[in-house]
């Protein structure tokens, strides 16, 4: 059986419509999930400070401290013991390397420093010394 040239071309066509649909749905999914991470944060009025430029290393755990000293992880109140357990889980995931665990602390502006110092001591006992303190940029952009 001999195929003609016209018949061969018909089989070589490729419809891109389903692939474009999938790509657009992936774009929508990633846009939605990237915004969802921002919504999970607790609304806290952080101290104003220009601070360092943001690093592009991923944060492993974000700890919020409200004005009363309550610890919040992903919007849920946690006790000190629960926080220790969460930090130990993150350390285990990192293979026991404290330098691989990136902790961001977001304190409330009116928080007494005693609560922040207690949290810093707790992190130091676990060997986590490279934590970051979240601040908001002052109006006017800072220096």
N, C-alpha and C. Protein backbone atom coordinates (compact mmCIF):
# COMPACT_ATOMS: atom_id res chain seq x y z
N UNK A 1 0.85 -1.17 0.00
CA UNK A 1 0.00 0.00 0.00
C UNK A 1 0.89 1.23 0.00
N UNK A 2 0.59 2.11 -0.87
CA UNK A 2 1.42 3.29 -1.03
C UNK A 2 0.62 4.52 -0.62
N UNK A 3 1.20 5.31 0.32
CA UNK A 3 0.53 6.53 0.77
C UNK A 3 0.90 7.67 -0.16
N UNK A 4 -0.05 8.51 -0.35
CA UNK A 4 0.25 9.70 -1.16
C UNK A 4 0.81 10.78 -0.26
N UNK A 5 1.36 11.77 -0.85
CA UNK A 5 1.96 12.86 -0.10
C UNK A 5 0.90 13.62 0.71
N UNK A 6 -0.26 13.82 0.19
CA UNK A 6 -1.33 14.52 0.89
C UNK A 6 -1.80 13.74 2.12
N UNK A 7 -1.85 12.44 2.03
CA UNK A 7 -2.28 11.62 3.15
C UNK A 7 -1.25 11.67 4.27
N UNK A 8 0.02 11.71 3.94
CA UNK A 8 1.07 11.78 4.96
C UNK A 8 1.00 13.10 5.74
N UNK A 9 0.71 14.17 5.09
CA UNK A 9 0.62 15.47 5.76
C UNK A 9 -0.52 15.51 6.77
N UNK A 10 -1.59 14.85 6.47
CA UNK A 10 -2.73 14.85 7.36
C UNK A 10 -2.37 14.22 8.71
N UNK A 11 -1.53 13.22 8.72
CA UNK A 11 -1.13 12.57 9.96
C UNK A 11 -0.08 13.36 10.72
N UNK A 12 0.60 14.29 10.12
CA UNK A 12 1.67 15.04 10.75
C UNK A 12 1.17 16.27 11.51
N UNK A 13 -0.08 16.61 11.40
CA UNK A 13 -0.62 17.78 12.08
C UNK A 13 -0.72 17.51 13.58
N UNK A 14 -0.49 18.55 14.34
CA UNK A 14 -0.54 18.43 15.80
C UNK A 14 -1.39 19.57 16.33
N UNK A 15 -2.42 19.26 17.10
CA UNK A 15 -3.33 20.27 17.64
C UNK A 15 -2.76 20.81 18.95
N UNK A 16 -2.46 22.10 19.02
CA UNK A 16 -1.87 22.73 20.20
C UNK A 16 -2.91 23.22 21.21
N UNK A 17 -4.18 23.18 20.88
CA UNK A 17 -5.21 23.72 21.75
C UNK A 17 -5.24 23.07 23.14
N UNK A 18 -5.20 21.74 23.26
CA UNK A 18 -5.20 21.16 24.61
C UNK A 18 -3.96 21.55 25.42
N UNK A 19 -2.82 21.65 24.77
CA UNK A 19 -1.61 22.03 25.49
C UNK A 19 -1.70 23.48 25.99
N UNK A 20 -2.25 24.36 25.19
CA UNK A 20 -2.42 25.75 25.61
C UNK A 20 -3.39 25.83 26.78
N UNK A 21 -4.46 25.04 26.75
CA UNK A 21 -5.42 25.01 27.86
C UNK A 21 -4.74 24.58 29.16
N UNK A 22 -3.92 23.55 29.07
CA UNK A 22 -3.23 23.06 30.27
C UNK A 22 -2.26 24.11 30.80
N UNK A 23 -1.52 24.76 29.93
CA UNK A 23 -0.57 25.79 30.36
C UNK A 23 -1.30 26.95 31.04
N UNK A 24 -2.41 27.38 30.48
CA UNK A 24 -3.17 28.47 31.09
C UNK A 24 -3.72 28.07 32.46
N UNK A 25 -4.17 26.84 32.59
CA UNK A 25 -4.66 26.39 33.90
C UNK A 25 -3.52 26.31 34.91
N UNK A 26 -2.34 25.91 34.48
CA UNK A 26 -1.18 25.89 35.39
C UNK A 26 -0.82 27.31 35.83
N UNK A 27 -0.86 28.25 34.92
CA UNK A 27 -0.57 29.64 35.28
C UNK A 27 -1.57 30.14 36.32
N UNK A 28 -2.83 29.88 36.11
CA UNK A 28 -3.86 30.30 37.06
C UNK A 28 -3.64 29.64 38.41
N UNK A 29 -3.31 28.34 38.42
CA UNK A 29 -3.08 27.62 39.67
C UNK A 29 -1.91 28.23 40.43
N UNK A 30 -0.79 28.49 39.77
CA UNK A 30 0.37 29.03 40.47
C UNK A 30 0.15 30.46 40.94
N UNK A 31 -0.60 31.25 40.19
CA UNK A 31 -0.92 32.60 40.64
C UNK A 31 -1.79 32.54 41.90
N UNK A 32 -2.74 31.65 41.93
CA UNK A 32 -3.63 31.52 43.08
C UNK A 32 -2.85 31.04 44.32
N UNK A 33 -2.04 30.02 44.16
CA UNK A 33 -1.32 29.48 45.32
C UNK A 33 -0.26 30.43 45.83
N UNK A 34 0.34 31.24 44.97
CA UNK A 34 1.33 32.20 45.48
C UNK A 34 0.65 33.28 46.32
N UNK A 35 -0.55 33.65 45.99
CA UNK A 35 -1.28 34.63 46.78
C UNK A 35 -1.82 34.01 48.07
N UNK A 36 -2.09 32.72 48.05
CA UNK A 36 -2.61 32.04 49.23
C UNK A 36 -1.59 32.06 50.36
N UNK A 37 -0.31 31.97 50.04
CA UNK A 37 0.74 32.01 51.06
C UNK A 37 0.73 33.35 51.79
N UNK A 38 0.43 34.42 51.09
CA UNK A 38 0.35 35.73 51.72
C UNK A 38 -0.87 35.84 52.63
N UNK A 39 -1.98 35.20 52.25
CA UNK A 39 -3.20 35.27 53.04
C UNK A 39 -3.08 34.50 54.35
N UNK A 40 -2.20 33.50 54.39
CA UNK A 40 -2.05 32.68 55.58
C UNK A 40 -1.33 33.41 56.71
N UNK A 41 -0.70 34.52 56.40
CA UNK A 41 0.03 35.26 57.42
C UNK A 41 -0.93 36.01 58.34
N UNK A 42 -0.54 36.10 59.59
CA UNK A 42 -1.32 36.81 60.59
C UNK A 42 -1.10 38.31 60.39
N UNK A 43 -2.17 39.11 60.40
CA UNK A 43 -1.96 40.55 60.26
C UNK A 43 -1.33 41.12 61.54
N UNK A 44 -0.10 41.55 61.44
CA UNK A 44 0.64 42.08 62.58
C UNK A 44 1.25 43.41 62.18
N UNK A 45 1.16 44.36 63.07
CA UNK A 45 1.79 45.66 62.83
C UNK A 45 3.24 45.56 63.32
N UNK A 46 4.15 45.35 62.37
CA UNK A 46 5.55 45.11 62.71
C UNK A 46 6.29 46.42 62.93
N UNK A 47 7.44 46.35 63.61
CA UNK A 47 8.24 47.55 63.81
C UNK A 47 8.71 48.11 62.46
N UNK A 48 8.83 49.42 62.39
CA UNK A 48 9.31 50.05 61.16
C UNK A 48 10.82 50.18 61.21
N UNK A 49 11.45 49.62 60.20
CA UNK A 49 12.91 49.68 60.09
C UNK A 49 13.24 49.34 58.66
N UNK A 50 14.19 50.07 58.09
CA UNK A 50 14.56 49.82 56.70
C UNK A 50 15.13 48.42 56.55
N UNK A 51 15.99 48.00 57.47
CA UNK A 51 16.53 46.64 57.46
C UNK A 51 17.41 46.34 56.27
N UNK A 52 17.79 45.08 56.16
CA UNK A 52 18.60 44.61 55.04
C UNK A 52 17.72 44.32 53.85
N UNK A 53 18.36 44.19 52.70
CA UNK A 53 17.62 43.79 51.52
C UNK A 53 17.17 42.35 51.69
N UNK A 54 16.00 42.05 51.17
CA UNK A 54 15.43 40.71 51.31
C UNK A 54 16.32 39.68 50.62
N UNK A 55 16.55 38.58 51.30
CA UNK A 55 17.30 37.49 50.70
C UNK A 55 16.34 36.61 49.92
N UNK A 56 16.87 35.92 48.97
CA UNK A 56 16.02 35.06 48.16
C UNK A 56 16.10 33.61 48.59
N UNK A 57 16.61 33.37 49.80
CA UNK A 57 16.61 32.01 50.33
C UNK A 57 15.23 31.75 50.92
N UNK A 58 14.69 30.57 50.71
CA UNK A 58 13.34 30.30 51.21
C UNK A 58 13.30 30.21 52.73
N UNK A 59 12.23 30.75 53.29
CA UNK A 59 12.02 30.70 54.74
C UNK A 59 11.39 29.35 55.07
N UNK A 60 11.97 28.67 56.05
CA UNK A 60 11.47 27.36 56.45
C UNK A 60 10.25 27.49 57.35
N UNK A 61 10.30 28.42 58.31
CA UNK A 61 9.22 28.56 59.29
C UNK A 61 9.06 30.03 59.64
N UNK A 62 7.83 30.51 59.65
CA UNK A 62 7.54 31.89 60.05
C UNK A 62 6.80 31.85 61.38
N UNK A 63 7.36 32.57 62.36
CA UNK A 63 6.77 32.63 63.70
C UNK A 63 6.29 34.06 63.93
N UNK A 64 5.01 34.23 64.20
CA UNK A 64 4.45 35.53 64.53
C UNK A 64 4.29 35.62 66.04
N UNK A 65 4.54 36.81 66.59
CA UNK A 65 4.31 37.06 68.01
C UNK A 65 3.39 38.27 68.11
N UNK A 66 2.21 38.08 68.68
CA UNK A 66 1.29 39.21 68.79
C UNK A 66 1.66 40.08 70.00
N UNK A 67 0.90 41.12 70.22
CA UNK A 67 1.21 42.11 71.26
C UNK A 67 1.18 41.51 72.67
N UNK A 68 0.45 40.41 72.85
CA UNK A 68 0.37 39.78 74.18
C UNK A 68 1.45 38.74 74.41
N UNK A 69 2.25 38.45 73.37
CA UNK A 69 3.32 37.47 73.50
C UNK A 69 2.93 36.08 73.05
N UNK A 70 1.73 35.92 72.48
CA UNK A 70 1.32 34.61 71.98
C UNK A 70 2.08 34.29 70.70
N UNK A 71 2.50 33.04 70.57
CA UNK A 71 3.22 32.58 69.39
C UNK A 71 2.21 32.03 68.39
N UNK A 72 2.36 32.40 67.14
CA UNK A 72 1.47 31.93 66.08
C UNK A 72 2.31 31.38 64.93
N UNK A 73 1.95 30.20 64.48
CA UNK A 73 2.59 29.61 63.31
C UNK A 73 1.47 29.29 62.32
N UNK A 74 1.56 29.86 61.13
CA UNK A 74 0.53 29.71 60.10
C UNK A 74 -0.85 30.12 60.62
N UNK A 75 -0.89 31.17 61.42
CA UNK A 75 -2.14 31.71 61.91
C UNK A 75 -2.73 31.00 63.10
N UNK A 76 -2.11 29.93 63.57
CA UNK A 76 -2.63 29.19 64.71
C UNK A 76 -1.75 29.39 65.93
N UNK A 77 -2.39 29.59 67.08
CA UNK A 77 -1.65 29.78 68.33
C UNK A 77 -0.99 28.47 68.72
N UNK A 78 0.30 28.55 69.06
CA UNK A 78 1.04 27.36 69.49
C UNK A 78 1.68 27.65 70.85
N UNK A 79 1.84 26.61 71.63
CA UNK A 79 2.53 26.74 72.92
C UNK A 79 4.04 26.63 72.66
N UNK A 80 4.81 26.91 73.69
CA UNK A 80 6.26 26.82 73.57
C UNK A 80 6.70 25.40 73.26
N UNK A 81 6.04 24.43 73.89
CA UNK A 81 6.38 23.03 73.63
C UNK A 81 6.05 22.62 72.20
N UNK A 82 4.90 23.08 71.69
CA UNK A 82 4.53 22.78 70.31
C UNK A 82 5.51 23.42 69.33
N UNK A 83 5.96 24.63 69.66
CA UNK A 83 6.94 25.31 68.81
C UNK A 83 8.26 24.54 68.79
N UNK A 84 8.68 24.05 69.96
CA UNK A 84 9.89 23.23 70.01
C UNK A 84 9.76 22.00 69.12
N UNK A 85 8.59 21.37 69.16
CA UNK A 85 8.36 20.18 68.34
C UNK A 85 8.41 20.53 66.85
N UNK A 86 7.79 21.66 66.46
CA UNK A 86 7.82 22.09 65.06
C UNK A 86 9.24 22.40 64.60
N UNK A 87 9.99 23.07 65.46
CA UNK A 87 11.37 23.40 65.11
C UNK A 87 12.21 22.13 64.99
N UNK A 88 11.97 21.17 65.86
CA UNK A 88 12.72 19.91 65.79
C UNK A 88 12.38 19.16 64.51
N UNK A 89 11.14 19.21 64.09
CA UNK A 89 10.74 18.57 62.83
C UNK A 89 11.48 19.22 61.66
N UNK A 90 11.55 20.55 61.67
CA UNK A 90 12.26 21.25 60.60
C UNK A 90 13.75 20.92 60.62
N UNK A 91 14.32 20.80 61.81
CA UNK A 91 15.72 20.39 61.92
C UNK A 91 15.95 18.99 61.37
N UNK A 92 15.04 18.08 61.68
CA UNK A 92 15.14 16.72 61.17
C UNK A 92 15.04 16.69 59.65
N UNK A 93 14.14 17.51 59.09
CA UNK A 93 14.01 17.59 57.63
C UNK A 93 15.30 18.08 56.99
N UNK A 94 16.00 18.97 57.69
CA UNK A 94 17.25 19.54 57.16
C UNK A 94 18.45 18.66 57.46
N UNK A 95 18.22 17.47 57.96
CA UNK A 95 19.32 16.56 58.26
C UNK A 95 20.10 16.94 59.50
N UNK A 96 19.48 17.69 60.40
CA UNK A 96 20.14 18.10 61.64
C UNK A 96 21.03 19.31 61.49
N UNK A 97 21.03 19.93 60.31
CA UNK A 97 21.87 21.10 60.06
C UNK A 97 21.10 22.37 60.40
N UNK A 98 21.44 23.05 61.52
CA UNK A 98 20.71 24.26 61.90
C UNK A 98 20.85 25.40 60.89
N UNK A 99 21.94 25.41 60.14
CA UNK A 99 22.13 26.48 59.15
C UNK A 99 21.15 26.36 57.98
N UNK A 100 20.60 25.17 57.76
CA UNK A 100 19.66 24.96 56.66
C UNK A 100 18.23 25.37 57.03
N UNK A 101 17.97 25.59 58.31
CA UNK A 101 16.63 25.98 58.75
C UNK A 101 16.59 27.51 58.83
N UNK A 102 15.71 28.10 58.03
CA UNK A 102 15.57 29.55 57.96
C UNK A 102 14.30 29.96 58.70
N UNK A 103 14.44 30.68 59.81
CA UNK A 103 13.30 31.09 60.63
C UNK A 103 13.11 32.59 60.50
N UNK A 104 11.88 33.01 60.25
CA UNK A 104 11.52 34.42 60.21
C UNK A 104 10.61 34.70 61.39
N UNK A 105 10.99 35.68 62.21
CA UNK A 105 10.17 36.09 63.36
C UNK A 105 9.52 37.42 63.01
N UNK A 106 8.20 37.47 63.13
CA UNK A 106 7.43 38.68 62.85
C UNK A 106 6.79 39.17 64.14
N UNK A 107 7.46 40.06 64.88
CA UNK A 107 6.89 40.54 66.14
C UNK A 107 5.94 41.71 65.93
N UNK A 108 5.00 41.85 66.85
CA UNK A 108 4.14 43.02 66.86
C UNK A 108 4.96 44.22 67.33
N UNK A 109 4.62 45.38 66.84
CA UNK A 109 5.37 46.60 67.18
C UNK A 109 5.35 46.90 68.68
N UNK A 110 4.25 46.58 69.36
CA UNK A 110 4.11 46.91 70.78
C UNK A 110 4.51 45.76 71.70
N UNK A 111 5.08 44.72 71.15
CA UNK A 111 5.49 43.56 71.94
C UNK A 111 6.63 43.91 72.88
N UNK A 112 6.51 43.59 74.17
CA UNK A 112 7.65 43.79 75.07
C UNK A 112 8.82 42.90 74.64
N UNK A 113 10.02 43.42 74.73
CA UNK A 113 11.19 42.70 74.24
C UNK A 113 11.45 41.40 75.00
N UNK A 114 10.89 41.27 76.20
CA UNK A 114 11.06 40.05 76.98
C UNK A 114 10.61 38.82 76.20
N UNK A 115 9.48 38.91 75.50
CA UNK A 115 8.94 37.78 74.74
C UNK A 115 9.86 37.42 73.57
N UNK A 116 10.38 38.44 72.91
CA UNK A 116 11.29 38.20 71.80
C UNK A 116 12.60 37.58 72.29
N UNK A 117 13.08 38.04 73.44
CA UNK A 117 14.31 37.47 74.01
C UNK A 117 14.12 36.00 74.40
N UNK A 118 12.95 35.67 74.93
CA UNK A 118 12.67 34.27 75.29
C UNK A 118 12.67 33.38 74.04
N UNK A 119 12.07 33.89 72.98
CA UNK A 119 12.04 33.12 71.73
C UNK A 119 13.46 32.97 71.16
N UNK A 120 14.25 34.02 71.23
CA UNK A 120 15.63 33.95 70.74
C UNK A 120 16.43 32.93 71.55
N UNK A 121 16.23 32.89 72.86
CA UNK A 121 16.92 31.90 73.70
C UNK A 121 16.48 30.47 73.32
N UNK A 122 15.20 30.30 73.07
CA UNK A 122 14.67 28.98 72.70
C UNK A 122 15.30 28.52 71.38
N UNK A 123 15.41 29.44 70.41
CA UNK A 123 16.02 29.10 69.13
C UNK A 123 17.51 28.78 69.29
N UNK A 124 18.18 29.55 70.14
CA UNK A 124 19.61 29.32 70.37
C UNK A 124 19.87 27.97 71.02
N UNK A 125 18.98 27.54 71.92
CA UNK A 125 19.14 26.23 72.55
C UNK A 125 19.06 25.10 71.54
N UNK A 126 18.29 25.31 70.47
CA UNK A 126 18.18 24.31 69.42
C UNK A 126 19.30 24.46 68.38
N UNK A 127 20.14 25.47 68.55
CA UNK A 127 21.24 25.69 67.61
C UNK A 127 20.88 26.58 66.44
N UNK A 128 19.67 27.14 66.44
CA UNK A 128 19.21 28.00 65.35
C UNK A 128 19.61 29.45 65.66
N UNK A 129 20.71 29.86 65.09
CA UNK A 129 21.19 31.22 65.37
C UNK A 129 21.01 32.15 64.17
N UNK A 130 20.64 31.64 63.03
CA UNK A 130 20.52 32.45 61.82
C UNK A 130 19.11 32.90 61.52
N UNK A 131 18.32 33.21 62.53
CA UNK A 131 16.95 33.64 62.29
C UNK A 131 16.92 35.10 61.88
N UNK A 132 15.83 35.49 61.24
CA UNK A 132 15.63 36.86 60.75
C UNK A 132 14.45 37.49 61.48
N UNK A 133 14.52 38.80 61.62
CA UNK A 133 13.45 39.57 62.26
C UNK A 133 12.73 40.36 61.18
N UNK A 134 11.43 40.13 61.06
CA UNK A 134 10.64 40.83 60.06
C UNK A 134 10.26 42.23 60.52
N UNK A 135 10.42 43.18 59.63
CA UNK A 135 10.03 44.56 59.90
C UNK A 135 9.27 45.09 58.70
N UNK A 136 8.60 46.21 58.89
CA UNK A 136 7.95 46.87 57.75
C UNK A 136 8.77 48.10 57.40
N UNK A 137 8.79 48.42 56.13
CA UNK A 137 9.56 49.59 55.66
C UNK A 137 8.81 50.85 56.06
N UNK A 138 9.52 51.82 56.68
CA UNK A 138 8.84 53.05 57.07
C UNK A 138 8.34 53.83 55.86
N UNK A 139 7.32 54.64 56.09
CA UNK A 139 6.80 55.49 55.02
C UNK A 139 7.93 56.39 54.53
N UNK A 140 8.08 56.49 53.25
CA UNK A 140 9.18 57.27 52.70
C UNK A 140 10.31 56.37 52.23
N UNK A 141 10.22 55.06 52.51
CA UNK A 141 11.18 54.12 51.98
C UNK A 141 12.40 53.86 52.82
N UNK A 142 12.72 54.71 53.76
CA UNK A 142 13.90 54.47 54.58
C UNK A 142 15.17 54.74 53.81
N UNK A 143 16.32 54.49 54.46
CA UNK A 143 17.61 54.79 53.83
C UNK A 143 18.13 53.61 53.06
